[in-house]
Protein backbone atom coordinates (compact mmCIF):
# COMPACT_ATOMS: atom_id res chain seq x y z
CA UNK A 1 -26.44 -176.24 -51.09
CA UNK A 2 -27.53 -178.00 -54.26
CA UNK A 3 -24.49 -178.23 -56.53
CA UNK A 4 -25.27 -179.07 -60.15
CA UNK A 5 -22.39 -179.94 -62.45
CA UNK A 6 -23.30 -179.16 -66.07
CA UNK A 7 -21.41 -180.59 -69.01
CA UNK A 8 -20.74 -178.48 -72.11
CA UNK A 9 -23.51 -180.10 -74.18
CA UNK A 10 -26.13 -179.34 -71.52
CA UNK A 11 -24.90 -175.79 -71.05
CA UNK A 12 -24.95 -175.16 -74.81
CA UNK A 13 -28.62 -176.21 -74.93
CA UNK A 14 -29.78 -173.70 -72.32
CA UNK A 15 -33.30 -172.40 -72.98
CA UNK A 16 -35.82 -170.24 -71.11
CA UNK A 17 -39.56 -170.95 -70.84
CA UNK A 18 -42.71 -169.95 -68.97
CA UNK A 19 -44.73 -172.58 -67.10
CA UNK A 20 -48.26 -171.69 -65.93
CA UNK A 21 -48.52 -175.04 -64.12
CA UNK A 22 -45.28 -174.41 -62.23
CA UNK A 23 -46.61 -170.98 -61.23
CA UNK A 24 -49.79 -172.60 -59.95
CA UNK A 25 -47.99 -175.25 -57.91
CA UNK A 26 -45.36 -172.91 -56.44
CA UNK A 27 -48.15 -170.50 -55.54
CA UNK A 28 -49.76 -173.33 -53.59
CA UNK A 29 -46.47 -173.87 -51.75
CA UNK A 30 -46.59 -170.20 -50.77
CA UNK A 31 -49.97 -170.83 -49.12
CA UNK A 32 -48.32 -173.20 -46.65
CA UNK A 33 -47.02 -170.12 -44.82
CA UNK A 34 -49.19 -168.66 -42.04
CA UNK A 35 -51.38 -165.87 -43.38
CA UNK A 36 -49.48 -163.20 -41.43
CA UNK A 37 -46.14 -164.37 -42.89
CA UNK A 38 -47.07 -164.05 -46.56
CA UNK A 39 -44.93 -161.15 -47.88
CA UNK A 40 -45.93 -158.24 -50.07
CA UNK A 41 -47.10 -158.29 -52.82
CA UNK A 42 -48.56 -161.80 -52.37
CA UNK A 43 -50.84 -161.08 -49.40
CA UNK A 44 -54.05 -160.04 -51.24
CA UNK A 45 -53.65 -162.85 -53.75
CA UNK A 46 -53.02 -165.42 -50.98
CA UNK A 47 -56.17 -164.34 -49.12
CA UNK A 48 -58.20 -164.79 -52.31
CA UNK A 49 -56.59 -168.16 -53.09
CA UNK A 50 -57.27 -169.50 -49.59
CA UNK A 51 -60.91 -168.47 -49.89
CA UNK A 52 -61.13 -170.29 -53.21
CA UNK A 53 -59.74 -173.49 -51.65
CA UNK A 54 -62.14 -173.19 -48.70
CA UNK A 55 -65.31 -172.43 -50.62
CA UNK A 56 -64.99 -174.12 -54.03
CA UNK A 57 -65.47 -177.91 -53.72
CA UNK A 58 -64.19 -178.40 -57.27
CA UNK A 59 -60.69 -177.46 -56.09
CA UNK A 60 -60.49 -180.25 -53.49
CA UNK A 61 -58.00 -182.42 -55.50
CA UNK A 62 -55.52 -179.52 -55.43
CA UNK A 63 -54.83 -180.08 -51.73
CA UNK A 64 -52.49 -182.94 -52.66
CA UNK A 65 -49.84 -180.31 -53.52
CA UNK A 66 -49.89 -178.92 -50.00
CA UNK A 67 -48.25 -182.12 -48.72
CA UNK A 68 -45.30 -181.95 -51.11
CA UNK A 69 -41.82 -180.63 -50.36
CA UNK A 70 -39.11 -179.55 -52.80
CA UNK A 71 -38.41 -183.19 -53.67
CA UNK A 72 -41.88 -183.98 -55.04
CA UNK A 73 -42.07 -186.12 -58.19
CA UNK A 74 -41.80 -183.97 -61.30
CA UNK A 75 -44.81 -185.71 -62.84
CA UNK A 76 -47.11 -183.45 -60.79
CA UNK A 77 -45.62 -180.38 -62.50
CA UNK A 78 -44.01 -181.68 -65.71
CA UNK A 79 -41.47 -179.55 -67.50
CA UNK A 80 -42.99 -177.35 -70.23
CA UNK A 81 -42.52 -178.65 -73.77
CA UNK A 82 -42.71 -175.22 -75.42
CA UNK A 83 -41.52 -171.75 -74.56
CA UNK A 84 -44.98 -170.37 -73.63
CA UNK A 85 -47.44 -173.25 -73.09
CA UNK A 86 -50.99 -172.58 -71.97
CA UNK A 87 -52.36 -174.00 -68.73
CA UNK A 88 -54.81 -176.08 -70.80
CA UNK A 89 -51.95 -177.70 -72.74
CA UNK A 90 -50.08 -178.48 -69.54
CA UNK A 91 -53.14 -179.95 -67.82
CA UNK A 92 -53.81 -182.13 -70.87
CA UNK A 93 -50.27 -183.49 -70.51
CA UNK A 94 -50.90 -184.13 -66.82
CA UNK A 95 -54.05 -186.10 -67.65
CA UNK A 96 -52.05 -188.25 -70.09
CA UNK A 97 -49.21 -189.08 -67.68
CA UNK A 98 -47.91 -192.51 -68.77
CA UNK A 99 -47.94 -195.45 -66.35
CA UNK A 100 -44.20 -195.99 -66.75
CA UNK A 101 -43.49 -192.41 -65.64
CA UNK A 102 -45.58 -192.91 -62.51
CA UNK A 103 -43.84 -196.18 -61.66
CA UNK A 104 -40.37 -194.79 -62.28
CA UNK A 105 -40.79 -191.57 -60.30
CA UNK A 106 -42.69 -193.16 -57.42
CA UNK A 107 -39.93 -195.78 -57.09
CA UNK A 108 -37.32 -193.00 -57.03
CA UNK A 109 -39.08 -190.70 -54.56
CA UNK A 110 -40.87 -193.27 -52.40
CA UNK A 111 -38.65 -196.38 -52.24
CA UNK A 112 -40.57 -197.57 -49.20
CA UNK A 113 -43.94 -197.14 -50.89
CA UNK A 114 -45.89 -194.04 -51.88
CA UNK A 115 -48.13 -192.23 -49.36
CA UNK A 116 -51.69 -193.51 -49.21
CA UNK A 117 -52.97 -190.22 -50.62
CA UNK A 118 -50.92 -190.75 -53.80
CA UNK A 119 -51.72 -194.43 -54.34
CA UNK A 120 -54.67 -193.80 -56.71
CA UNK A 121 -52.25 -192.14 -59.16
CA UNK A 122 -50.64 -195.55 -59.58
CA UNK A 123 -53.59 -197.91 -59.12
CA UNK A 124 -56.29 -195.87 -60.92
CA UNK A 125 -54.14 -193.53 -62.96
CA UNK A 126 -56.56 -192.16 -65.55
CA UNK A 127 -59.27 -191.28 -63.02
CA UNK A 128 -56.83 -189.82 -60.48
CA UNK A 129 -55.00 -187.59 -62.95
CA UNK A 130 -58.30 -186.58 -64.53
CA UNK A 131 -59.69 -185.45 -61.16
CA UNK A 132 -56.46 -183.64 -60.36
CA UNK A 133 -56.40 -181.80 -63.70
CA UNK A 134 -60.06 -180.79 -63.30
CA UNK A 135 -59.33 -179.50 -59.78
CA UNK A 136 -56.31 -177.55 -60.98
CA UNK A 137 -58.37 -176.03 -63.80
CA UNK A 138 -61.05 -174.90 -61.33
CA UNK A 139 -58.42 -173.44 -59.02
CA UNK A 140 -56.66 -171.69 -61.92
CA UNK A 141 -59.87 -170.08 -63.14
CA UNK A 142 -60.72 -168.69 -59.70
CA UNK A 143 -57.33 -167.92 -58.15
CA UNK A 144 -54.81 -167.36 -60.96
CA UNK A 145 -56.64 -166.40 -64.17
CA UNK A 146 -57.67 -162.91 -62.96
CA UNK A 147 -53.98 -162.12 -62.40
CA UNK A 148 -52.53 -164.03 -65.34
CA UNK A 149 -52.53 -161.32 -68.05
CA UNK A 150 -50.30 -159.08 -65.92
CA UNK A 151 -48.22 -162.03 -64.74
CA UNK A 152 -47.73 -163.31 -68.26
CA UNK A 153 -46.66 -159.87 -69.50
CA UNK A 154 -44.06 -159.64 -66.74
CA UNK A 155 -42.83 -163.18 -67.43
CA UNK A 156 -42.60 -162.59 -71.17
CA UNK A 157 -40.47 -159.52 -70.51
CA UNK A 158 -38.27 -161.56 -68.19
CA UNK A 159 -37.80 -164.21 -70.88
CA UNK A 160 -37.04 -161.53 -73.46
CA UNK A 161 -34.39 -159.88 -71.29
CA UNK A 162 -32.71 -163.20 -70.44
CA UNK A 163 -32.89 -164.38 -74.05
CA UNK A 164 -31.07 -161.26 -75.20
CA UNK A 165 -28.27 -161.97 -72.75
CA UNK A 166 -28.21 -165.62 -73.84
CA UNK A 167 -27.92 -164.68 -77.50
CA UNK A 168 -25.34 -161.94 -76.98
CA UNK A 169 -23.13 -163.33 -74.22
CA UNK A 170 -23.94 -167.03 -73.89
CA UNK A 171 -25.46 -169.24 -71.17
CA UNK A 172 -22.72 -168.52 -68.65
CA UNK A 173 -23.70 -164.85 -68.59
CA UNK A 174 -27.33 -165.77 -67.97
CA UNK A 175 -26.52 -168.16 -65.14
CA UNK A 176 -24.19 -165.68 -63.42
CA UNK A 177 -27.00 -163.09 -63.27
CA UNK A 178 -30.04 -165.23 -62.44
CA UNK A 179 -30.46 -164.58 -58.74
CA UNK A 180 -28.46 -163.59 -55.67
CA UNK A 181 -28.96 -167.12 -54.29
CA UNK A 182 -27.63 -168.78 -57.44
CA UNK A 183 -23.89 -169.01 -58.00
CA UNK A 184 -22.27 -169.95 -61.30
CA UNK A 185 -18.70 -171.23 -61.02
CA UNK A 186 -18.16 -173.23 -64.21
CA UNK A 187 -19.04 -176.01 -64.51
CA UNK A 188 -21.04 -175.96 -61.26
CA UNK A 189 -24.35 -174.15 -60.72
CA UNK A 190 -25.05 -173.81 -56.99
CA UNK A 191 -28.49 -173.15 -55.53
CA UNK A 192 -28.19 -171.70 -52.03
CA UNK A 193 -30.50 -173.96 -50.03
CA UNK A 194 -30.41 -175.57 -46.60
CA UNK A 195 -30.19 -179.11 -48.01
CA UNK A 196 -26.96 -180.65 -49.29
CA UNK A 197 -27.11 -182.40 -52.63
CA UNK A 198 -24.85 -182.95 -55.65
CA UNK A 199 -26.01 -183.67 -59.18
CA UNK A 200 -24.22 -184.25 -62.47
CA UNK A 201 -26.14 -183.40 -65.63
CA UNK A 202 -24.80 -184.91 -68.84
CA UNK A 203 -26.03 -184.43 -72.42
CA UNK A 204 -29.41 -182.94 -71.49
CA UNK A 205 -31.09 -179.59 -72.06
CA UNK A 206 -30.97 -176.95 -69.31
CA UNK A 207 -34.35 -175.24 -69.00
CA UNK A 208 -34.62 -172.05 -66.94
CA UNK A 209 -38.14 -171.21 -65.74
CA UNK A 210 -38.83 -167.82 -64.08
CA UNK A 211 -41.67 -167.80 -61.55
CA UNK A 212 -43.61 -164.84 -60.18
CA UNK A 213 -44.63 -166.91 -57.13
CA UNK A 214 -41.14 -168.24 -56.37
CA UNK A 215 -40.46 -165.68 -53.60
CA UNK A 216 -36.78 -166.68 -53.68
CA UNK A 217 -37.53 -170.42 -53.57
CA UNK A 218 -35.10 -172.16 -55.94
CA UNK A 219 -36.00 -175.58 -57.30
CA UNK A 220 -34.60 -178.03 -59.79
CA UNK A 221 -36.33 -180.92 -61.54
CA UNK A 222 -34.19 -183.90 -62.43
CA UNK A 223 -36.72 -186.65 -63.23
CA UNK A 224 -37.03 -185.90 -66.96
CA UNK A 225 -34.63 -188.00 -69.06
CA UNK A 226 -33.75 -185.18 -71.46
CA UNK A 227 -34.44 -181.90 -69.65
CA UNK A 228 -33.03 -180.51 -66.41
CA UNK A 229 -35.21 -177.65 -65.17
CA UNK A 230 -34.18 -174.89 -62.75
CA UNK A 231 -36.72 -172.35 -61.47
CA UNK A 232 -35.92 -168.93 -60.07
CA UNK A 233 -37.66 -165.75 -58.93
CA UNK A 234 -38.79 -163.62 -61.83
CA UNK A 235 -38.88 -159.88 -61.83
CA UNK A 236 -42.38 -158.42 -61.90
CA UNK A 237 -44.00 -159.89 -58.77
CA UNK A 238 -45.33 -156.43 -57.91
CA UNK A 239 -48.00 -156.87 -60.60
CA UNK A 240 -49.93 -158.92 -58.04
CA UNK A 241 -50.43 -155.78 -55.97
CA UNK A 242 -52.56 -154.38 -58.79
CA UNK A 243 -54.84 -157.42 -58.97
CA UNK A 244 -58.48 -157.72 -57.90
CA UNK A 245 -57.59 -157.15 -54.23
CA UNK A 246 -55.85 -153.77 -54.25
CA UNK A 247 -53.76 -152.37 -51.39
CA UNK A 248 -55.08 -149.52 -49.30
CA UNK A 249 -55.22 -146.10 -51.00
CA UNK A 250 -52.44 -143.63 -50.29
CA UNK A 251 -54.43 -141.70 -47.69
CA UNK A 252 -54.62 -144.89 -45.58
CA UNK A 253 -51.12 -146.15 -46.45
CA UNK A 254 -48.55 -145.08 -43.83
CA UNK A 255 -45.61 -145.82 -46.14
CA UNK A 256 -47.08 -143.73 -48.98
CA UNK A 257 -47.87 -140.91 -46.55
CA UNK A 258 -44.25 -140.92 -45.35
CA UNK A 259 -42.45 -141.39 -48.68
CA UNK A 260 -44.99 -140.58 -51.37
CA UNK A 261 -46.83 -143.13 -53.48
CA UNK A 262 -44.05 -143.57 -56.06
CA UNK A 263 -41.19 -144.13 -53.61
CA UNK A 264 -43.35 -146.41 -51.48
CA UNK A 265 -44.11 -148.54 -54.56
CA UNK A 266 -40.41 -148.72 -55.47
CA UNK A 267 -39.40 -149.70 -51.93
CA UNK A 268 -42.05 -152.43 -51.78
CA UNK A 269 -41.00 -153.79 -55.18
CA UNK A 270 -37.45 -154.49 -54.03
CA UNK A 271 -38.33 -157.93 -52.62
CA UNK A 272 -35.64 -159.37 -54.91
CA UNK A 273 -32.63 -157.62 -56.47
CA UNK A 274 -33.73 -155.81 -59.61
CA UNK A 275 -32.51 -153.31 -62.18
CA UNK A 276 -33.92 -149.87 -62.85
CA UNK A 277 -35.36 -151.15 -66.13
CA UNK A 278 -37.00 -154.12 -64.40
CA UNK A 279 -38.55 -151.87 -61.75
CA UNK A 280 -39.86 -149.48 -64.38
CA UNK A 281 -41.50 -152.33 -66.29
CA UNK A 282 -42.98 -153.83 -63.13
CA UNK A 283 -44.39 -150.58 -61.77
CA UNK A 284 -45.38 -148.98 -65.07
CA UNK A 285 -43.19 -145.93 -64.39
CA UNK A 286 -40.67 -144.16 -66.60
CA UNK A 287 -37.07 -145.35 -66.00
CA UNK A 288 -36.07 -141.76 -65.22
CA UNK A 289 -38.74 -141.57 -62.51
CA UNK A 290 -37.62 -144.87 -61.00
CA UNK A 291 -33.99 -143.66 -61.04
CA UNK A 292 -34.97 -140.54 -59.12
CA UNK A 293 -36.85 -142.56 -56.51
CA UNK A 294 -33.94 -145.02 -56.15
CA UNK A 295 -31.43 -142.20 -55.76
CA UNK A 296 -33.48 -140.65 -52.96
CA UNK A 297 -34.03 -143.98 -51.21
CA UNK A 298 -30.33 -144.82 -51.50
CA UNK A 299 -29.36 -141.44 -50.05
CA UNK A 300 -31.76 -142.11 -47.16
CA UNK A 301 -29.92 -145.38 -46.48
CA UNK A 302 -32.85 -147.75 -47.09
CA UNK A 303 -31.77 -149.06 -50.51
CA UNK A 304 -28.43 -150.46 -51.68
CA UNK A 305 -26.84 -150.45 -55.13
CA UNK A 306 -24.55 -153.23 -56.35
CA UNK A 307 -22.98 -154.02 -59.71
CA UNK A 308 -23.21 -157.62 -60.93
CA UNK A 309 -21.42 -158.06 -64.25
CA UNK A 310 -22.91 -155.51 -66.62
CA UNK A 311 -26.00 -154.90 -64.52
CA UNK A 312 -26.64 -152.63 -61.56
CA UNK A 313 -29.01 -154.24 -59.06
CA UNK A 314 -30.94 -152.53 -56.28
CA UNK A 315 -32.07 -154.21 -53.07
CA UNK A 316 -33.11 -153.35 -49.53
CA UNK A 317 -30.70 -152.26 -46.83
CA UNK A 318 -31.45 -153.43 -43.26
CA UNK A 319 -32.98 -150.00 -42.60
CA UNK A 320 -35.31 -150.51 -45.57
CA UNK A 321 -36.41 -153.90 -44.27
CA UNK A 322 -36.99 -152.37 -40.84
CA UNK A 323 -39.06 -149.55 -42.32
CA UNK A 324 -41.23 -151.97 -44.26
CA UNK A 325 -41.56 -154.20 -41.22
CA UNK A 326 -42.80 -151.28 -39.14
CA UNK A 327 -45.21 -149.81 -41.67
CA UNK A 328 -46.23 -152.77 -43.81
CA UNK A 329 -47.92 -155.69 -42.07
CA UNK A 330 -47.55 -157.87 -45.16
CA UNK A 331 -43.79 -157.38 -45.59
CA UNK A 332 -41.29 -159.98 -44.43
CA UNK A 333 -37.53 -159.69 -44.39
CA UNK A 334 -35.64 -159.79 -47.70
CA UNK A 335 -32.98 -162.48 -47.60
CA UNK A 336 -29.77 -161.33 -49.23
């Protein structure tokens, strides 16, 4: 568990933002999984991204991210300074990383000395960060940009929904509804992870960043002196299924043959708990249609319904996970 104690000033300054660079880096973390363990809807995207890394020499500097764990220095994915920055703006900031930031974060994360692969970022900073930013730009253009319009639309809707809750009910209401693996027991925000860590955040700004590529991975960034960032899984990941690499048509899709295309799409989209409204936005279906599909799937015992505060969330029952596991090679178990 990561337990984060938030003081009142930090909590009162809660904001929500999109980070293209964080999406890029977390997507790279997803590629560390074996190809047959990448869950739906990320499989087609992951295959394309791996091909880009194999065949495009310009992306070679990006491989540095594949060696990082959750405790990587924040300087390689700095917190966004605006609510919707562009990838170009974020890469420009990466290129201009100050020497004092490198020294401070390397000393914190690598007290015994940084890995050899990271040494150029300290000894030849401008060249190293320039190469890295150029590599990230090449990777973005080939692996992320084709999907970004749909991803951005889903993320903007996520920010809008959370911002409405923030304005109407306050930051506590937002934190209590973020994710099934996030627990808010004032003043402590707990991220359900295998590592044990305690943090106290005083007089900073809490920044919440939804990520399409998170796949339930929860991260926090504590290196910034003024901003404490927490990432979480955004609704809308199913938009990746409609990208350049499309899934098999219904006549070759066992799940669609069994359930029908609409119900199959709804079942596949329940990789994280989601509301009827969120599903409708993700799948491009009318809320009434999604409600009908959910009711049928719930009656069949493959979907569960649970109230969390004012929201009703839907997720997979064990029978639903089993059905997807049998009929969908790219589905892995949903962790509840």
